[in-house]
């Protein structure tokens, strides 16, 4: 196994992980949860 092959594999895995996080963050299932979390600093006790 060549070092360049290992570097290529790590790059592809990191890119796939990045795309997965972007899809998760922009999914409509999480929208309400993120909107509620965004309003937390403005809520009164």
PDB file of N, CA and C in Angstrom:
ATOM      1  N   UNK A   1       0.860  -1.183   0.000  1.00  0.00           N
ATOM      2  CA  UNK A   1       0.000   0.000   0.000  1.00  0.00           C
ATOM      3  C   UNK A   1       0.899   1.237   0.000  1.00  0.00           C
ATOM      4  N   UNK A   2       0.708   2.062  -0.970  1.00  0.00           N
ATOM      5  CA  UNK A   2       1.514   3.257  -1.150  1.00  0.00           C
ATOM      6  C   UNK A   2       0.962   4.392  -0.277  1.00  0.00           C
ATOM      7  N   UNK A   3       1.813   5.305   0.153  1.00  0.00           N
ATOM      8  CA  UNK A   3       1.383   6.424   0.982  1.00  0.00           C
ATOM      9  C   UNK A   3       0.409   7.329   0.228  1.00  0.00           C
ATOM     10  N   UNK A   4       0.584   7.463  -1.072  1.00  0.00           N
ATOM     11  CA  UNK A   4      -0.317   8.302  -1.859  1.00  0.00           C
ATOM     12  C   UNK A   4      -1.711   7.702  -1.948  1.00  0.00           C
ATOM     13  N   UNK A   5      -1.797   6.380  -2.004  1.00  0.00           N
ATOM     14  CA  UNK A   5      -3.100   5.717  -1.988  1.00  0.00           C
ATOM     15  C   UNK A   5      -3.794   5.955  -0.655  1.00  0.00           C
ATOM     16  N   UNK A   6      -3.060   5.869   0.431  1.00  0.00           N
ATOM     17  CA  UNK A   6      -3.620   6.130   1.755  1.00  0.00           C
ATOM     18  C   UNK A   6      -4.102   7.571   1.865  1.00  0.00           C
ATOM     19  N   UNK A   7      -3.338   8.503   1.358  1.00  0.00           N
ATOM     20  CA  UNK A   7      -3.737   9.907   1.372  1.00  0.00           C
ATOM     21  C   UNK A   7      -5.012  10.126   0.555  1.00  0.00           C
ATOM     22  N   UNK A   8      -5.107   9.455  -0.571  1.00  0.00           N
ATOM     23  CA  UNK A   8      -6.297   9.574  -1.415  1.00  0.00           C
ATOM     24  C   UNK A   8      -7.527   9.018  -0.699  1.00  0.00           C
ATOM     25  N   UNK A   9      -7.360   7.882  -0.042  1.00  0.00           N
ATOM     26  CA  UNK A   9      -8.481   7.287   0.694  1.00  0.00           C
ATOM     27  C   UNK A   9      -8.940   8.207   1.815  1.00  0.00           C
ATOM     28  N   UNK A  10      -8.005   8.769   2.556  1.00  0.00           N
ATOM     29  CA  UNK A  10      -8.353   9.681   3.654  1.00  0.00           C
ATOM     30  C   UNK A  10      -9.057  10.921   3.113  1.00  0.00           C
ATOM     31  N   UNK A  11      -8.621  11.426   1.977  1.00  0.00           N
ATOM     32  CA  UNK A  11      -9.261  12.595   1.374  1.00  0.00           C
ATOM     33  C   UNK A  11     -10.690  12.294   0.960  1.00  0.00           C
ATOM     34  N   UNK A  12     -10.911  11.142   0.346  1.00  0.00           N
ATOM     35  CA  UNK A  12     -12.263  10.765  -0.084  1.00  0.00           C
ATOM     36  C   UNK A  12     -13.171  10.556   1.118  1.00  0.00           C
ATOM     37  N   UNK A  13     -12.668   9.916   2.164  1.00  0.00           N
ATOM     38  CA  UNK A  13     -13.466   9.693   3.375  1.00  0.00           C
ATOM     39  C   UNK A  13     -13.808  11.030   4.038  1.00  0.00           C
ATOM     40  N   UNK A  14     -12.862  11.945   4.115  1.00  0.00           N
ATOM     41  CA  UNK A  14     -13.121  13.249   4.723  1.00  0.00           C
ATOM     42  C   UNK A  14     -14.143  14.034   3.907  1.00  0.00           C
ATOM     43  N   UNK A  15     -14.056  13.947   2.589  1.00  0.00           N
ATOM     44  CA  UNK A  15     -15.024  14.643   1.741  1.00  0.00           C
ATOM     45  C   UNK A  15     -16.416  14.049   1.910  1.00  0.00           C
ATOM     46  N   UNK A  16     -16.508  12.734   1.977  1.00  0.00           N
ATOM     47  CA  UNK A  16     -17.805  12.080   2.188  1.00  0.00           C
ATOM     48  C   UNK A  16     -18.390  12.462   3.547  1.00  0.00           C
ATOM     49  N   UNK A  17     -17.554  12.547   4.556  1.00  0.00           N
ATOM     50  CA  UNK A  17     -18.014  12.971   5.878  1.00  0.00           C
ATOM     51  C   UNK A  17     -18.515  14.409   5.841  1.00  0.00           C
ATOM     52  N   UNK A  18     -17.802  15.274   5.158  1.00  0.00           N
ATOM     53  CA  UNK A  18     -18.221  16.667   5.018  1.00  0.00           C
ATOM     54  C   UNK A  18     -19.580  16.774   4.327  1.00  0.00           C
ATOM     55  N   UNK A  19     -19.757  16.030   3.233  1.00  0.00           N
ATOM     56  CA  UNK A  19     -21.033  16.046   2.516  1.00  0.00           C
ATOM     57  C   UNK A  19     -22.141  15.510   3.420  1.00  0.00           C
ATOM     58  N   UNK A  20     -21.859  14.491   4.196  1.00  0.00           N
ATOM     59  CA  UNK A  20     -22.841  13.947   5.128  1.00  0.00           C
ATOM     60  C   UNK A  20     -23.266  14.959   6.176  1.00  0.00           C
ATOM     61  N   UNK A  21     -22.327  15.712   6.701  1.00  0.00           N
ATOM     62  CA  UNK A  21     -22.650  16.735   7.703  1.00  0.00           C
ATOM     63  C   UNK A  21     -23.476  17.847   7.078  1.00  0.00           C
ATOM     64  N   UNK A  22     -23.151  18.254   5.867  1.00  0.00           N
ATOM     65  CA  UNK A  22     -23.916  19.299   5.176  1.00  0.00           C
ATOM     66  C   UNK A  22     -25.347  18.833   4.930  1.00  0.00           C
ATOM     67  N   UNK A  23     -25.514  17.603   4.481  1.00  0.00           N
ATOM     68  CA  UNK A  23     -26.863  17.072   4.243  1.00  0.00           C
ATOM     69  C   UNK A  23     -27.641  17.002   5.546  1.00  0.00           C
ATOM     70  N   UNK A  24     -26.998  16.572   6.616  1.00  0.00           N
ATOM     71  CA  UNK A  24     -27.665  16.505   7.919  1.00  0.00           C
ATOM     72  C   UNK A  24     -28.081  17.901   8.403  1.00  0.00           C
ATOM     73  N   UNK A  25     -27.202  18.870   8.251  1.00  0.00           N
ATOM     74  CA  UNK A  25     -27.498  20.219   8.734  1.00  0.00           C
ATOM     75  C   UNK A  25     -28.622  20.879   7.948  1.00  0.00           C
ATOM     76  N   UNK A  26     -28.754  20.579   6.663  1.00  0.00           N
ATOM     77  CA  UNK A  26     -29.763  21.214   5.826  1.00  0.00           C
ATOM     78  C   UNK A  26     -31.031  20.375   5.681  1.00  0.00           C
ATOM     79  N   UNK A  27     -31.107  19.240   6.395  1.00  0.00           N
ATOM     80  CA  UNK A  27     -32.299  18.401   6.272  1.00  0.00           C
ATOM     81  C   UNK A  27     -33.486  19.084   6.951  1.00  0.00           C
ATOM     82  N   UNK A  28     -34.660  18.861   6.423  1.00  0.00           N
ATOM     83  CA  UNK A  28     -35.854  19.513   6.955  1.00  0.00           C
ATOM     84  C   UNK A  28     -36.259  18.937   8.308  1.00  0.00           C
ATOM     85  N   UNK A  29     -35.812  17.735   8.652  1.00  0.00           N
ATOM     86  CA  UNK A  29     -36.151  17.154   9.956  1.00  0.00           C
ATOM     87  C   UNK A  29     -35.540  17.961  11.091  1.00  0.00           C
ATOM     88  N   UNK A  30     -34.382  18.561  10.878  1.00  0.00           N
ATOM     89  CA  UNK A  30     -33.681  19.292  11.931  1.00  0.00           C
ATOM     90  C   UNK A  30     -34.042  20.769  11.968  1.00  0.00           C
ATOM     91  N   UNK A  31     -34.834  21.236  11.029  1.00  0.00           N
ATOM     92  CA  UNK A  31     -35.112  22.665  10.924  1.00  0.00           C
ATOM     93  C   UNK A  31     -35.774  23.208  12.190  1.00  0.00           C
ATOM     94  N   UNK A  32     -36.783  22.537  12.699  1.00  0.00           N
ATOM     95  CA  UNK A  32     -37.471  23.042  13.893  1.00  0.00           C
ATOM     96  C   UNK A  32     -36.555  23.026  15.101  1.00  0.00           C
ATOM     97  N   UNK A  33     -35.741  21.980  15.226  1.00  0.00           N
ATOM     98  CA  UNK A  33     -34.808  21.915  16.352  1.00  0.00           C
ATOM     99  C   UNK A  33     -33.796  23.043  16.298  1.00  0.00           C
ATOM    100  N   UNK A  34     -33.279  23.340  15.111  1.00  0.00           N
ATOM    101  CA  UNK A  34     -32.302  24.411  14.970  1.00  0.00           C
ATOM    102  C   UNK A  34     -32.940  25.786  15.200  1.00  0.00           C
ATOM    103  N   UNK A  35     -34.175  25.960  14.757  1.00  0.00           N
ATOM    104  CA  UNK A  35     -34.858  27.237  14.984  1.00  0.00           C
ATOM    105  C   UNK A  35     -35.117  27.456  16.469  1.00  0.00           C
ATOM    106  N   UNK A  36     -35.497  26.411  17.184  1.00  0.00           N
ATOM    107  CA  UNK A  36     -35.694  26.532  18.628  1.00  0.00           C
ATOM    108  C   UNK A  36     -34.381  26.861  19.327  1.00  0.00           C
ATOM    109  N   UNK A  37     -33.308  26.231  18.919  1.00  0.00           N
ATOM    110  CA  UNK A  37     -32.000  26.499  19.517  1.00  0.00           C
ATOM    111  C   UNK A  37     -31.521  27.911  19.222  1.00  0.00           C
ATOM    112  N   UNK A  38     -31.893  28.441  18.059  1.00  0.00           N
ATOM    113  CA  UNK A  38     -31.481  29.794  17.697  1.00  0.00           C
ATOM    114  C   UNK A  38     -32.204  30.844  18.538  1.00  0.00           C
ATOM    115  N   UNK A  39     -33.378  30.505  19.042  1.00  0.00           N
ATOM    116  CA  UNK A  39     -34.156  31.461  19.844  1.00  0.00           C
ATOM    117  C   UNK A  39     -33.826  31.398  21.334  1.00  0.00           C
ATOM    118  N   UNK A  40     -33.041  30.438  21.768  1.00  0.00           N
ATOM    119  CA  UNK A  40     -32.726  30.290  23.188  1.00  0.00           C
ATOM    120  C   UNK A  40     -32.114  31.539  23.822  1.00  0.00           C
ATOM    121  N   UNK A  41     -31.203  32.266  23.189  1.00  0.00           N
ATOM    122  CA  UNK A  41     -30.631  33.452  23.851  1.00  0.00           C
ATOM    123  C   UNK A  41     -31.659  34.567  24.067  1.00  0.00           C
ATOM    124  N   UNK A  42     -32.750  34.548  23.339  1.00  0.00           N
ATOM    125  CA  UNK A  42     -33.734  35.628  23.441  1.00  0.00           C
ATOM    126  C   UNK A  42     -34.873  35.318  24.400  1.00  0.00           C
ATOM    127  N   UNK A  43     -34.924  34.129  24.945  1.00  0.00           N
ATOM    128  CA  UNK A  43     -36.004  33.755  25.867  1.00  0.00           C
ATOM    129  C   UNK A  43     -35.750  34.338  27.243  1.00  0.00           C
ATOM    130  N   UNK A  44     -36.812  34.780  27.859  1.00  0.00           N
ATOM    131  CA  UNK A  44     -36.736  35.315  29.215  1.00  0.00           C
ATOM    132  C   UNK A  44     -36.915  34.185  30.210  1.00  0.00           C
ATOM    133  N   UNK A  45     -36.327  34.337  31.389  1.00  0.00           N
ATOM    134  CA  UNK A  45     -36.482  33.321  32.433  1.00  0.00           C
ATOM    135  C   UNK A  45     -37.805  33.437  33.137  1.00  0.00           C
TER     136      UNK A  45
END
